[in-house]
Amino acid sequence: MTDPLHLTIRRFQNRAEALDEQGSTRGLDDAIADLAAWMDVALVKLDDVDRAALIDIGGLLYREGLRRIMGE
């Protein structure tokens, strides 16, 4: 049986490769903005656990973006 987490990570990898092939210049800031916009729309449908998980993901993305900017 395939681990669903690994399948999802594989999907992330495939999407990243497709973005590279398309010449996409989108980056972390774009991903954070997309996540925030989606969460604003889906907020009423998300329970507290889902919302907390997505905010955690957004926080990690934001932190990594700041680290890149600061040269860490």
N, C-alpha and C. Protein backbone atom coordinates (compact mmCIF):
# COMPACT_ATOMS: atom_id res chain seq x y z
N MET A 1 0.84 -1.18 0.00
CA MET A 1 0.00 0.00 0.00
C MET A 1 0.89 1.25 0.00
N THR A 2 0.54 2.24 -0.80
CA THR A 2 1.31 3.47 -0.89
C THR A 2 0.93 4.41 0.23
N ASP A 3 1.93 4.99 0.87
CA ASP A 3 1.71 5.97 1.93
C ASP A 3 1.16 7.25 1.28
N PRO A 4 -0.02 7.74 1.70
CA PRO A 4 -0.61 8.94 1.10
C PRO A 4 0.30 10.16 1.20
N LEU A 5 1.07 10.26 2.28
CA LEU A 5 1.98 11.39 2.42
C LEU A 5 3.00 11.39 1.30
N HIS A 6 3.54 10.22 1.01
CA HIS A 6 4.53 10.14 -0.06
C HIS A 6 3.90 10.46 -1.41
N LEU A 7 2.66 10.05 -1.62
CA LEU A 7 1.96 10.37 -2.86
C LEU A 7 1.79 11.88 -2.99
N THR A 8 1.45 12.54 -1.92
CA THR A 8 1.28 13.99 -1.95
C THR A 8 2.61 14.69 -2.20
N ILE A 9 3.66 14.22 -1.56
CA ILE A 9 4.98 14.81 -1.81
C ILE A 9 5.38 14.60 -3.26
N ARG A 10 5.08 13.44 -3.80
CA ARG A 10 5.38 13.18 -5.22
C ARG A 10 4.60 14.16 -6.11
N ARG A 11 3.37 14.44 -5.74
CA ARG A 11 2.58 15.43 -6.49
C ARG A 11 3.22 16.81 -6.42
N PHE A 12 3.73 17.18 -5.23
CA PHE A 12 4.44 18.46 -5.10
C PHE A 12 5.65 18.48 -6.03
N GLN A 13 6.40 17.39 -6.03
CA GLN A 13 7.59 17.31 -6.88
C GLN A 13 7.22 17.43 -8.35
N ASN A 14 6.18 16.73 -8.77
CA ASN A 14 5.75 16.78 -10.16
C ASN A 14 5.31 18.19 -10.54
N ARG A 15 4.60 18.85 -9.63
CA ARG A 15 4.15 20.22 -9.92
C ARG A 15 5.34 21.16 -10.02
N ALA A 16 6.32 20.99 -9.13
CA ALA A 16 7.52 21.82 -9.17
C ALA A 16 8.26 21.64 -10.49
N GLU A 17 8.36 20.41 -10.95
CA GLU A 17 9.01 20.15 -12.24
C GLU A 17 8.23 20.80 -13.38
N ALA A 18 6.90 20.71 -13.33
CA ALA A 18 6.08 21.32 -14.38
C ALA A 18 6.25 22.84 -14.37
N LEU A 19 6.31 23.44 -13.19
CA LEU A 19 6.52 24.89 -13.10
C LEU A 19 7.86 25.27 -13.72
N ASP A 20 8.90 24.48 -13.45
CA ASP A 20 10.21 24.75 -14.05
C ASP A 20 10.15 24.64 -15.57
N GLU A 21 9.49 23.60 -16.06
CA GLU A 21 9.38 23.41 -17.51
C GLU A 21 8.61 24.55 -18.16
N GLN A 22 7.65 25.11 -17.44
CA GLN A 22 6.84 26.23 -17.96
C GLN A 22 7.58 27.56 -17.86
N GLY A 23 8.71 27.56 -17.18
CA GLY A 23 9.48 28.78 -17.00
C GLY A 23 8.87 29.71 -15.95
N SER A 24 8.11 29.16 -15.04
CA SER A 24 7.46 29.96 -14.00
C SER A 24 8.50 30.64 -13.12
N THR A 25 8.26 31.90 -12.80
CA THR A 25 9.14 32.64 -11.89
C THR A 25 8.48 32.85 -10.53
N ARG A 26 7.35 32.21 -10.33
CA ARG A 26 6.64 32.35 -9.05
C ARG A 26 7.47 31.74 -7.94
N GLY A 27 7.38 32.33 -6.74
CA GLY A 27 8.19 31.86 -5.64
C GLY A 27 7.41 31.81 -4.33
N LEU A 28 8.15 31.84 -3.23
CA LEU A 28 7.55 31.72 -1.90
C LEU A 28 6.52 32.80 -1.63
N ASP A 29 6.82 34.05 -2.01
CA ASP A 29 5.85 35.13 -1.77
C ASP A 29 4.53 34.85 -2.48
N ASP A 30 4.62 34.32 -3.68
CA ASP A 30 3.41 33.99 -4.44
C ASP A 30 2.64 32.86 -3.75
N ALA A 31 3.37 31.85 -3.26
CA ALA A 31 2.72 30.73 -2.58
C ALA A 31 2.03 31.20 -1.30
N ILE A 32 2.67 32.09 -0.55
CA ILE A 32 2.08 32.62 0.67
C ILE A 32 0.83 33.42 0.35
N ALA A 33 0.91 34.25 -0.67
CA ALA A 33 -0.25 35.06 -1.07
C ALA A 33 -1.40 34.16 -1.54
N ASP A 34 -1.09 33.12 -2.31
CA ASP A 34 -2.12 32.19 -2.78
C ASP A 34 -2.77 31.46 -1.61
N LEU A 35 -1.95 31.00 -0.66
CA LEU A 35 -2.47 30.30 0.51
C LEU A 35 -3.39 31.21 1.31
N ALA A 36 -2.95 32.44 1.55
CA ALA A 36 -3.76 33.39 2.32
C ALA A 36 -5.08 33.69 1.61
N ALA A 37 -5.03 33.90 0.30
CA ALA A 37 -6.26 34.18 -0.46
C ALA A 37 -7.21 32.99 -0.40
N TRP A 38 -6.67 31.79 -0.57
CA TRP A 38 -7.52 30.60 -0.51
C TRP A 38 -8.13 30.44 0.88
N MET A 39 -7.32 30.66 1.91
CA MET A 39 -7.83 30.52 3.27
C MET A 39 -8.92 31.54 3.57
N ASP A 40 -8.78 32.76 3.03
CA ASP A 40 -9.82 33.77 3.24
C ASP A 40 -11.15 33.31 2.67
N VAL A 41 -11.12 32.65 1.52
CA VAL A 41 -12.34 32.16 0.88
C VAL A 41 -12.87 30.93 1.61
N ALA A 42 -11.98 30.04 2.01
CA ALA A 42 -12.38 28.76 2.60
C ALA A 42 -12.55 28.83 4.12
N LEU A 43 -12.27 29.98 4.70
CA LEU A 43 -12.26 30.09 6.15
C LEU A 43 -13.51 29.54 6.82
N VAL A 44 -14.66 29.81 6.26
CA VAL A 44 -15.90 29.34 6.89
C VAL A 44 -16.04 27.83 6.82
N LYS A 45 -15.32 27.20 5.91
CA LYS A 45 -15.42 25.74 5.75
C LYS A 45 -14.35 24.99 6.55
N LEU A 46 -13.38 25.71 7.09
CA LEU A 46 -12.28 25.07 7.79
C LEU A 46 -12.59 24.97 9.29
N ASP A 47 -12.28 23.82 9.87
CA ASP A 47 -12.42 23.73 11.32
C ASP A 47 -11.13 24.25 11.97
N ASP A 48 -11.14 24.36 13.28
CA ASP A 48 -10.00 24.95 13.99
C ASP A 48 -8.70 24.18 13.76
N VAL A 49 -8.78 22.87 13.67
CA VAL A 49 -7.58 22.05 13.46
C VAL A 49 -7.01 22.30 12.07
N ASP A 50 -7.86 22.32 11.06
CA ASP A 50 -7.40 22.58 9.69
C ASP A 50 -6.82 23.99 9.57
N ARG A 51 -7.52 24.95 10.14
CA ARG A 51 -7.07 26.34 10.09
C ARG A 51 -5.70 26.46 10.77
N ALA A 52 -5.53 25.84 11.94
CA ALA A 52 -4.25 25.90 12.66
C ALA A 52 -3.14 25.26 11.84
N ALA A 53 -3.43 24.14 11.20
CA ALA A 53 -2.42 23.46 10.37
C ALA A 53 -2.00 24.34 9.20
N LEU A 54 -2.96 24.97 8.55
CA LEU A 54 -2.64 25.82 7.40
C LEU A 54 -1.91 27.09 7.83
N ILE A 55 -2.26 27.64 8.98
CA ILE A 55 -1.55 28.81 9.49
C ILE A 55 -0.11 28.42 9.83
N ASP A 56 0.09 27.23 10.36
CA ASP A 56 1.43 26.74 10.65
C ASP A 56 2.25 26.63 9.36
N ILE A 57 1.64 26.08 8.32
CA ILE A 57 2.32 25.97 7.02
C ILE A 57 2.66 27.36 6.49
N GLY A 58 1.70 28.26 6.56
CA GLY A 58 1.94 29.64 6.11
C GLY A 58 3.06 30.29 6.91
N GLY A 59 3.09 30.06 8.22
CA GLY A 59 4.15 30.62 9.05
C GLY A 59 5.51 30.08 8.66
N LEU A 60 5.59 28.80 8.38
CA LEU A 60 6.86 28.20 7.94
C LEU A 60 7.31 28.79 6.61
N LEU A 61 6.39 28.91 5.67
CA LEU A 61 6.73 29.50 4.37
C LEU A 61 7.21 30.93 4.54
N TYR A 62 6.49 31.71 5.35
CA TYR A 62 6.85 33.10 5.59
C TYR A 62 8.24 33.20 6.21
N ARG A 63 8.50 32.37 7.22
CA ARG A 63 9.80 32.37 7.89
C ARG A 63 10.92 32.04 6.91
N GLU A 64 10.70 31.03 6.07
CA GLU A 64 11.73 30.66 5.09
C GLU A 64 11.96 31.78 4.08
N GLY A 65 10.89 32.45 3.71
CA GLY A 65 11.04 33.59 2.81
C GLY A 65 11.87 34.70 3.43
N LEU A 66 11.61 35.00 4.71
CA LEU A 66 12.40 36.02 5.42
C LEU A 66 13.86 35.59 5.53
N ARG A 67 14.09 34.33 5.81
CA ARG A 67 15.48 33.84 5.92
C ARG A 67 16.22 34.02 4.61
N ARG A 68 15.54 33.77 3.51
CA ARG A 68 16.18 33.95 2.20
C ARG A 68 16.51 35.42 1.96
N ILE A 69 15.57 36.28 2.31
CA ILE A 69 15.78 37.73 2.13
C ILE A 69 16.95 38.21 2.98
N MET A 70 17.02 37.71 4.22
CA MET A 70 18.06 38.13 5.15
C MET A 70 19.40 37.43 4.90
N GLY A 71 19.41 36.49 3.97
CA GLY A 71 20.65 35.80 3.62
C GLY A 71 21.10 34.76 4.61
N GLU A 72 20.17 34.21 5.36
CA GLU A 72 20.53 33.17 6.34
C GLU A 72 20.59 31.81 5.69
